Protein backbone atom coordinates (compact mmCIF):
# COMPACT_ATOMS: atom_id res chain seq x y z
CA MET A 1 -52.87 111.95 -51.35
CA VAL A 2 -54.72 113.40 -48.41
CA GLU A 3 -57.88 111.50 -47.54
CA TYR A 4 -60.49 114.09 -46.61
CA SER A 5 -63.29 111.68 -45.83
CA LYS A 6 -63.47 108.00 -45.06
CA PHE A 7 -66.91 107.85 -46.68
CA ARG A 8 -67.10 106.80 -50.33
CA ASN A 9 -69.87 106.71 -52.86
CA LYS A 10 -70.38 107.28 -56.57
CA ASN A 11 -70.76 111.03 -56.15
CA ARG A 12 -67.42 111.50 -54.38
CA GLY A 13 -65.25 110.13 -57.16
CA TYR A 14 -63.93 113.58 -58.02
CA MET A 15 -61.70 113.35 -54.94
CA LYS A 16 -59.66 110.70 -56.76
CA LEU A 17 -58.97 112.98 -59.73
CA GLU A 18 -55.40 114.29 -59.74
CA VAL A 19 -56.62 117.61 -61.14
CA TRP A 20 -58.91 118.07 -58.11
CA GLN A 21 -56.18 117.04 -55.66
CA LYS A 22 -53.65 119.40 -57.25
CA SER A 23 -56.17 122.25 -57.34
CA ILE A 24 -56.62 121.81 -53.58
CA GLU A 25 -52.83 121.96 -53.28
CA LEU A 26 -52.83 125.20 -55.30
CA LEU A 27 -55.49 126.63 -52.98
CA ARG A 28 -53.34 125.74 -49.95
CA LEU A 29 -50.26 127.35 -51.48
CA ILE A 30 -52.01 130.58 -52.44
CA SER A 31 -53.73 130.79 -49.07
CA LYS A 32 -50.42 130.24 -47.26
CA ILE A 33 -48.69 132.95 -49.29
CA VAL A 34 -51.37 135.63 -49.20
CA TYR A 35 -52.20 135.15 -45.53
CA SER A 36 -48.53 135.17 -44.47
CA GLU A 37 -47.93 138.54 -46.12
CA ILE A 38 -49.31 141.23 -43.83
CA LYS A 39 -48.87 143.83 -46.58
CA ILE A 40 -51.74 142.25 -48.58
CA ASP A 41 -55.08 143.73 -47.59
CA PHE A 42 -58.12 141.62 -46.73
CA LYS A 43 -59.92 142.17 -50.05
CA LEU A 44 -56.94 141.08 -52.17
CA ARG A 45 -56.39 138.05 -49.94
CA ALA A 46 -60.02 137.01 -50.15
CA GLN A 47 -60.22 137.50 -53.93
CA SER A 48 -57.03 135.50 -54.53
CA VAL A 49 -58.14 132.61 -52.34
CA ASP A 50 -61.69 132.69 -53.76
CA ALA A 51 -60.35 132.43 -57.32
CA ALA A 52 -58.19 129.45 -56.38
CA GLN A 53 -61.03 127.80 -54.42
CA SER A 54 -63.29 128.10 -57.45
CA ILE A 55 -61.10 125.72 -59.45
CA SER A 56 -61.59 122.65 -57.26
CA SER A 57 -65.20 123.61 -56.55
CA ASN A 58 -66.10 123.64 -60.24
CA VAL A 59 -64.32 120.35 -60.91
CA ALA A 60 -66.34 118.79 -58.09
CA GLU A 61 -69.65 120.37 -59.05
CA GLY A 62 -69.31 119.39 -62.70
CA TYR A 63 -68.43 115.82 -61.76
CA CYS A 64 -71.41 115.57 -59.42
CA ARG A 65 -73.86 116.82 -62.06
CA ARG A 66 -73.45 113.44 -63.82
CA SER A 67 -74.06 114.98 -67.24
CA ILE A 68 -71.20 115.12 -69.72
CA HIS A 69 -72.35 118.48 -71.04
CA GLU A 70 -72.61 120.06 -67.60
CA TYR A 71 -69.34 118.46 -66.50
CA ILE A 72 -67.49 120.00 -69.44
CA GLN A 73 -69.23 123.34 -68.86
CA PHE A 74 -68.08 123.42 -65.22
CA LEU A 75 -64.56 122.45 -66.26
CA TYR A 76 -64.53 125.45 -68.58
CA VAL A 77 -65.62 127.60 -65.63
CA ALA A 78 -62.71 126.08 -63.67
CA LEU A 79 -60.39 127.05 -66.54
CA GLY A 80 -61.73 130.59 -66.27
CA SER A 81 -60.90 130.53 -62.57
CA MET A 82 -57.42 129.34 -63.49
CA GLY A 83 -56.98 132.49 -65.55
CA GLU A 84 -58.31 134.65 -62.74
CA THR A 85 -56.02 132.96 -60.20
CA LEU A 86 -52.89 133.52 -62.27
CA THR A 87 -53.89 137.09 -63.10
CA ARG A 88 -54.33 137.84 -59.40
CA ALA A 89 -50.90 136.34 -58.67
CA ILE A 90 -49.35 138.45 -61.45
CA GLY A 91 -51.08 141.51 -60.02
CA LEU A 92 -49.75 140.79 -56.53
CA LEU A 93 -46.26 140.41 -57.98
CA GLU A 94 -46.52 143.61 -60.00
CA ILE A 95 -47.58 145.71 -57.02
CA GLY A 96 -44.90 144.22 -54.81
CA LYS A 97 -47.15 142.22 -52.49
CA ILE A 98 -45.49 138.87 -53.21
CA THR A 99 -41.91 138.00 -54.13
CA ASN A 100 -40.63 136.54 -57.39
CA GLU A 101 -39.99 133.28 -55.54
CA GLN A 102 -43.57 133.14 -54.23
CA PHE A 103 -44.92 133.91 -57.69
CA THR A 104 -42.77 131.14 -59.21
CA GLN A 105 -44.12 128.62 -56.68
CA ILE A 106 -47.67 129.59 -57.67
CA ASP A 107 -46.88 129.64 -61.39
CA VAL A 108 -45.31 126.15 -61.41
CA LEU A 109 -48.20 124.49 -59.59
CA HIS A 110 -50.76 126.54 -61.52
CA TYR A 111 -49.27 125.35 -64.82
CA GLU A 112 -49.47 121.73 -63.66
CA VAL A 113 -53.13 122.04 -62.62
CA GLU A 114 -54.01 123.94 -65.79
CA ASN A 115 -52.53 121.23 -68.02
CA LYS A 116 -54.31 118.46 -66.10
CA LEU A 117 -57.57 120.37 -66.45
CA LEU A 118 -57.05 120.89 -70.18
CA LYS A 119 -56.35 117.14 -70.61
CA LEU A 120 -59.48 116.24 -68.66
CA VAL A 121 -61.61 118.52 -70.85
CA GLU A 122 -60.08 117.02 -73.98
CA SER A 123 -60.70 113.49 -72.72
CA LEU A 124 -64.32 114.21 -71.81
CA GLU A 125 -65.00 115.94 -75.11
CA LYS A 126 -63.76 112.81 -76.89
CA LYS A 127 -66.05 110.63 -74.74
CA ARG A 128 -68.96 112.97 -75.43
CA ASP A 129 -68.32 112.95 -79.18
CA SER A 130 -67.89 109.16 -79.36
CA GLY A 131 -70.91 108.42 -77.16
CA GLY A 132 -68.74 106.73 -74.53
CA TRP A 133 -70.30 108.53 -71.56
CA ILE A 134 -73.03 107.08 -69.32
CA ASN A 135 -75.42 109.83 -68.18
CA LYS A 136 -76.73 108.07 -65.13
CA ILE A 137 -75.66 106.92 -61.72
CA SER A 138 -75.79 103.17 -61.86
CA ASP A 139 -77.04 101.04 -58.99
CA GLU A 140 -74.46 98.46 -60.00
CA LEU A 141 -71.09 99.35 -58.50
CA GLU A 142 -69.41 96.81 -60.80
CA GLU A 143 -70.37 98.95 -63.81
CA TYR A 144 -68.02 101.67 -62.56
CA HIS A 145 -65.16 99.27 -61.97
CA ILE A 146 -65.48 97.96 -65.54
CA LEU A 147 -65.64 101.45 -67.00
CA GLY A 148 -62.77 102.63 -64.82
CA SER A 149 -60.51 99.81 -65.94
CA GLN A 150 -61.11 100.59 -69.62
CA ASN A 151 -59.54 104.03 -69.22
CA SER A 152 -56.68 103.71 -66.77
CA SER A 153 -55.19 107.13 -67.49
CA THR A 154 -56.83 109.32 -64.86
CA PRO A 155 -56.18 113.03 -65.48
């Protein structure tokens, strides 16, 4: 795992989520592919990278809202961006701007991120429905350690 910042607080916990880390990896991969192919014009490059960037951005924004309902809503937006990202990759393949091998690299990582995102949504919907979500940022750091240890399966 790449450590982007040495600073930690309760609002930066999304950086520990595998789904966020893998979505950053997907962004890097798509950026590398579309910016290495000179036959892809600026607009297509920008749209492809923007769609991929939106995934991690919405995971982070939803997490930082601290409301289960908003978190889930932003994760659904991230899922929409997943669809847009894959559709753009399919389009680039279909018009001959990326190779089958490049598309496969995107598709494999995309599928992994998509499944992690779906599992996170499912997990949060269960917490919402059971009332197991705390809608506040606690001043007591220990509260988060206790809650974190109860659910050790981090999506």
